[in-house]
């Protein structure tokens, strides 16, 4: 589904990524973990075409998207839910959801309605708040809206950047249950998450990023039980 090879990104004279290799297969949940400044968000932004790449290649569904414009990458079926939710606070919940369909101009009215019903089934609270302004939702509800908006373009791969950031523990559990349900819908998920324990517990495979490099990779459960990962990221 996604293949990142030798990816390097600079911010001015600072190298943010150095030769990153990541593979995401269809139907997987892949978690990227690492400390602040490790390069996790930069990796997703590079995949989406939002930052310039100095070296390397990104392939999505077999096509080279390394130099492709962000809007074309989205139209190929890749959704990116950024850190901080980035919903439209002045638009209603319904309008935010419809905004998500802009990424896929091939959708017709019937398909859009089906996607709305799918979102309501996944996120029942959003159905109850369709006419409410996005900015008036709780933090957890805004995160659900951000994910639902990403799903409204019917992507093959959805990238989630820190979906649990700033949320209460009970809401975090709900978000992770939703990520598993999204995979059950046939979606592939690339997840960045500060909560390494939760992220690795649901991941098929995980990658550890440190200072712009992949230092470890393997099945999620194996990384979860690795002494080095436990010491560095799980507080053990």
Protein backbone atom coordinates (compact mmCIF):
# COMPACT_ATOMS: atom_id res chain seq x y z
CA UNK A 1 0.00 0.00 0.00
CA UNK A 2 2.78 2.43 1.00
CA UNK A 3 6.54 2.12 0.61
CA UNK A 4 8.95 4.75 1.91
CA UNK A 5 12.57 4.26 0.87
CA UNK A 6 15.62 6.27 1.92
CA UNK A 7 13.53 9.30 2.87
CA UNK A 8 15.49 12.40 3.91
CA UNK A 9 13.99 15.80 4.84
CA UNK A 10 15.75 18.98 5.94
CA UNK A 11 14.38 22.04 7.69
CA UNK A 12 16.93 24.62 6.64
CA UNK A 13 20.30 23.29 7.82
CA UNK A 14 18.69 20.81 10.21
CA UNK A 15 18.13 17.26 8.99
CA UNK A 16 14.77 16.02 10.26
CA UNK A 17 14.78 12.61 8.55
CA UNK A 18 17.77 10.53 7.50
CA UNK A 19 17.20 7.54 5.21
CA UNK A 20 13.85 6.41 6.63
CA UNK A 21 12.47 3.10 5.28
CA UNK A 22 8.88 2.13 6.13
CA UNK A 23 6.52 -0.38 4.51
CA UNK A 24 2.75 -0.46 5.05
CA UNK A 25 0.79 -3.39 3.65
CA UNK A 26 -2.87 -3.35 2.78
CA UNK A 27 -5.14 -3.81 5.80
CA UNK A 28 -2.44 -3.23 8.41
CA UNK A 29 -2.30 -0.88 11.35
CA UNK A 30 1.26 0.46 11.50
CA UNK A 31 2.39 2.54 14.48
CA UNK A 32 5.28 5.01 14.48
CA UNK A 33 6.55 5.78 17.96
CA UNK A 34 9.36 7.99 19.19
CA UNK A 35 10.09 11.02 21.33
CA UNK A 36 9.42 14.65 20.48
CA UNK A 37 11.51 15.73 17.51
CA UNK A 38 12.08 12.15 16.33
CA UNK A 39 10.59 12.90 12.89
CA UNK A 40 7.19 11.22 13.15
CA UNK A 41 5.07 14.15 11.98
CA UNK A 42 7.63 15.06 9.31
CA UNK A 43 7.32 11.52 7.92
CA UNK A 44 3.57 11.89 7.43
CA UNK A 45 3.94 15.39 5.99
CA UNK A 46 6.52 14.09 3.52
CA UNK A 47 4.20 11.29 2.43
CA UNK A 48 1.40 13.84 1.91
CA UNK A 49 3.67 16.11 -0.12
CA UNK A 50 3.53 18.91 2.46
CA UNK A 51 7.31 19.19 2.94
CA UNK A 52 10.11 19.00 0.41
CA UNK A 53 12.12 15.80 0.27
CA UNK A 54 15.88 15.96 -0.19
CA UNK A 55 16.28 12.25 -0.93
CA UNK A 56 14.32 9.04 -1.17
CA UNK A 57 11.15 7.75 -2.73
CA UNK A 58 7.53 7.36 -1.66
CA UNK A 59 5.31 4.88 -3.50
CA UNK A 60 1.56 4.55 -2.89
CA UNK A 61 -0.37 1.65 -4.39
CA UNK A 62 2.60 1.06 -6.69
CA UNK A 63 2.76 4.64 -8.04
CA UNK A 64 5.64 7.02 -7.37
CA UNK A 65 4.19 9.98 -5.46
CA UNK A 66 7.53 11.44 -4.29
CA UNK A 67 7.12 14.70 -6.25
CA UNK A 68 3.35 14.64 -6.63
CA UNK A 69 1.22 17.62 -5.52
CA UNK A 70 -0.68 17.13 -2.23
CA UNK A 71 -4.14 17.40 -3.83
CA UNK A 72 -3.31 14.64 -6.32
CA UNK A 73 -2.01 12.41 -3.53
CA UNK A 74 -5.32 12.86 -1.70
CA UNK A 75 -7.27 12.00 -4.87
CA UNK A 76 -5.32 8.75 -5.11
CA UNK A 77 -6.92 7.67 -1.82
CA UNK A 78 -4.58 8.84 0.93
CA UNK A 79 -6.10 10.79 3.84
CA UNK A 80 -4.06 12.65 6.45
CA UNK A 81 -5.63 13.63 9.79
CA UNK A 82 -3.09 16.10 11.20
CA UNK A 83 -2.01 16.68 14.77
CA UNK A 84 -4.25 19.19 16.53
CA UNK A 85 -7.42 18.06 14.66
CA UNK A 86 -7.58 21.12 12.37
CA UNK A 87 -11.36 20.97 12.03
CA UNK A 88 -13.21 24.04 10.73
CA UNK A 89 -14.55 25.57 13.99
CA UNK A 90 -16.99 27.96 12.32
CA UNK A 91 -18.62 25.20 10.24
CA UNK A 92 -21.21 22.79 11.59
CA UNK A 93 -20.40 19.12 12.15
CA UNK A 94 -22.30 18.26 8.97
CA UNK A 95 -20.42 20.89 6.94
CA UNK A 96 -17.09 19.61 8.29
CA UNK A 97 -18.00 16.10 7.18
CA UNK A 98 -19.05 17.24 3.71
CA UNK A 99 -15.78 19.19 3.43
CA UNK A 100 -14.00 15.85 3.65
CA UNK A 101 -15.54 14.70 0.37
CA UNK A 102 -13.72 17.44 -1.57
CA UNK A 103 -10.67 15.18 -1.60
CA UNK A 104 -12.50 12.66 -3.79
CA UNK A 105 -14.28 14.35 -6.73
CA UNK A 106 -15.48 10.96 -8.02
CA UNK A 107 -18.02 10.57 -5.22
CA UNK A 108 -21.68 10.94 -6.22
CA UNK A 109 -24.58 11.93 -3.94
CA UNK A 110 -25.49 8.32 -3.19
CA UNK A 111 -21.93 7.44 -2.21
CA UNK A 112 -21.64 10.55 -0.04
CA UNK A 113 -24.84 9.63 1.79
CA UNK A 114 -23.51 6.10 2.35
CA UNK A 115 -20.27 7.53 3.76
CA UNK A 116 -22.27 9.81 6.06
CA UNK A 117 -24.23 6.84 7.38
CA UNK A 118 -20.95 4.97 7.91
CA UNK A 119 -19.61 7.92 9.90
CA UNK A 120 -22.76 8.10 12.01
CA UNK A 121 -22.46 4.39 12.78
CA UNK A 122 -18.82 4.80 13.83
CA UNK A 123 -19.35 8.08 15.68
CA UNK A 124 -22.96 8.19 17.00
CA UNK A 125 -22.29 11.42 18.91
CA UNK A 126 -21.63 13.26 15.66
CA UNK A 127 -25.10 12.39 14.36
CA UNK A 128 -26.56 14.03 17.48
CA UNK A 129 -24.57 17.21 16.83
CA UNK A 130 -24.85 17.70 13.07
CA UNK A 131 -26.08 21.29 13.31
CA UNK A 132 -23.65 22.23 16.09
CA UNK A 133 -20.56 24.32 15.37
CA UNK A 134 -17.38 22.26 15.22
CA UNK A 135 -15.61 24.66 17.56
CA UNK A 136 -18.16 24.05 20.32
CA UNK A 137 -17.47 20.31 20.54
CA UNK A 138 -15.40 18.74 23.30
CA UNK A 139 -11.80 17.78 22.53
CA UNK A 140 -12.71 14.13 22.10
CA UNK A 141 -15.63 14.97 19.83
CA UNK A 142 -13.43 17.25 17.72
CA UNK A 143 -10.95 14.40 17.31
CA UNK A 144 -13.76 12.07 16.23
CA UNK A 145 -14.93 14.72 13.76
CA UNK A 146 -11.39 15.08 12.36
CA UNK A 147 -11.12 11.31 11.81
CA UNK A 148 -14.64 11.10 10.37
CA UNK A 149 -13.87 13.97 7.98
CA UNK A 150 -10.79 12.05 6.78
CA UNK A 151 -12.90 8.96 6.19
CA UNK A 152 -15.47 10.95 4.18
CA UNK A 153 -13.19 10.88 1.13
CA UNK A 154 -13.31 7.04 1.29
CA UNK A 155 -9.52 6.62 1.46
CA UNK A 156 -7.56 3.40 1.08
CA UNK A 157 -4.99 4.60 3.63
CA UNK A 158 -5.64 6.99 6.51
CA UNK A 159 -2.73 8.54 8.42
CA UNK A 160 -3.50 9.66 11.97
CA UNK A 161 -1.14 12.06 13.75
CA UNK A 162 -1.44 11.92 17.57
CA UNK A 163 -5.21 11.20 17.74
CA UNK A 164 -5.16 10.83 21.55
CA UNK A 165 -3.24 14.05 22.29
CA UNK A 166 -4.76 15.99 25.18
CA UNK A 167 -7.69 13.64 25.69
CA UNK A 168 -8.94 12.06 28.91
CA UNK A 169 -7.96 8.36 29.35
CA UNK A 170 -11.52 7.10 28.86
CA UNK A 171 -11.76 9.01 25.56
CA UNK A 172 -8.34 7.70 24.48
CA UNK A 173 -9.62 4.13 24.85
CA UNK A 174 -12.64 5.03 22.73
CA UNK A 175 -10.41 6.49 20.00
CA UNK A 176 -8.29 3.34 19.86
CA UNK A 177 -11.39 1.14 19.65
CA UNK A 178 -12.50 3.30 16.72
CA UNK A 179 -9.14 2.80 14.97
CA UNK A 180 -9.67 -0.97 15.14
CA UNK A 181 -13.17 -0.53 13.70
CA UNK A 182 -11.74 1.61 10.87
CA UNK A 183 -9.43 -1.27 9.96
CA UNK A 184 -12.45 -3.61 9.97
CA UNK A 185 -13.97 -1.35 7.29
CA UNK A 186 -11.09 -2.36 5.03
CA UNK A 187 -8.93 0.70 5.61
CA UNK A 188 -5.18 0.69 6.13
CA UNK A 189 -3.95 2.84 9.03
CA UNK A 190 -0.61 4.57 9.62
CA UNK A 191 -0.64 5.85 13.18
CA UNK A 192 1.61 8.28 15.05
CA UNK A 193 0.94 8.18 18.75
CA UNK A 194 2.49 9.51 21.96
CA UNK A 195 0.78 6.72 23.88
CA UNK A 196 3.26 4.06 22.76
CA UNK A 197 1.70 1.30 24.84
CA UNK A 198 -1.76 1.72 23.32
CA UNK A 199 -0.36 2.24 19.82
CA UNK A 200 1.75 -0.92 19.84
CA UNK A 201 -1.01 -2.98 21.47
CA UNK A 202 -3.27 -2.52 18.41
CA UNK A 203 -0.54 -2.40 15.75
CA UNK A 204 0.29 -5.25 13.40
CA UNK A 205 3.79 -3.81 13.17
CA UNK A 206 5.61 -0.83 14.59
CA UNK A 207 8.60 1.38 13.86
CA UNK A 208 10.68 3.30 16.40
CA UNK A 209 12.02 6.65 15.17
CA UNK A 210 14.92 8.36 16.92
CA UNK A 211 16.48 11.58 15.65
CA UNK A 212 15.11 11.06 12.14
CA UNK A 213 16.14 7.41 11.80
CA UNK A 214 14.30 4.11 12.16
CA UNK A 215 16.14 2.33 14.97
CA UNK A 216 13.79 -0.62 15.55
CA UNK A 217 10.93 -2.33 13.77
CA UNK A 218 8.85 -5.44 14.28
CA UNK A 219 5.43 -6.82 15.28
CA UNK A 220 3.60 -4.50 17.65
CA UNK A 221 3.46 -7.04 20.48
CA UNK A 222 7.18 -7.78 20.19
CA UNK A 223 8.10 -4.11 20.42
CA UNK A 224 5.69 -3.71 23.32
CA UNK A 225 7.66 -6.32 25.25
CA UNK A 226 11.12 -5.21 24.15
CA UNK A 227 13.19 -4.04 27.16
CA UNK A 228 14.69 -1.08 25.27
CA UNK A 229 11.26 0.14 24.11
CA UNK A 230 9.82 -0.38 27.60
CA UNK A 231 12.60 1.66 29.17
CA UNK A 232 12.52 4.49 26.62
CA UNK A 233 8.79 4.87 25.87
CA UNK A 234 6.67 2.88 28.29
CA UNK A 235 8.11 4.07 31.59
CA UNK A 236 9.28 0.60 32.69
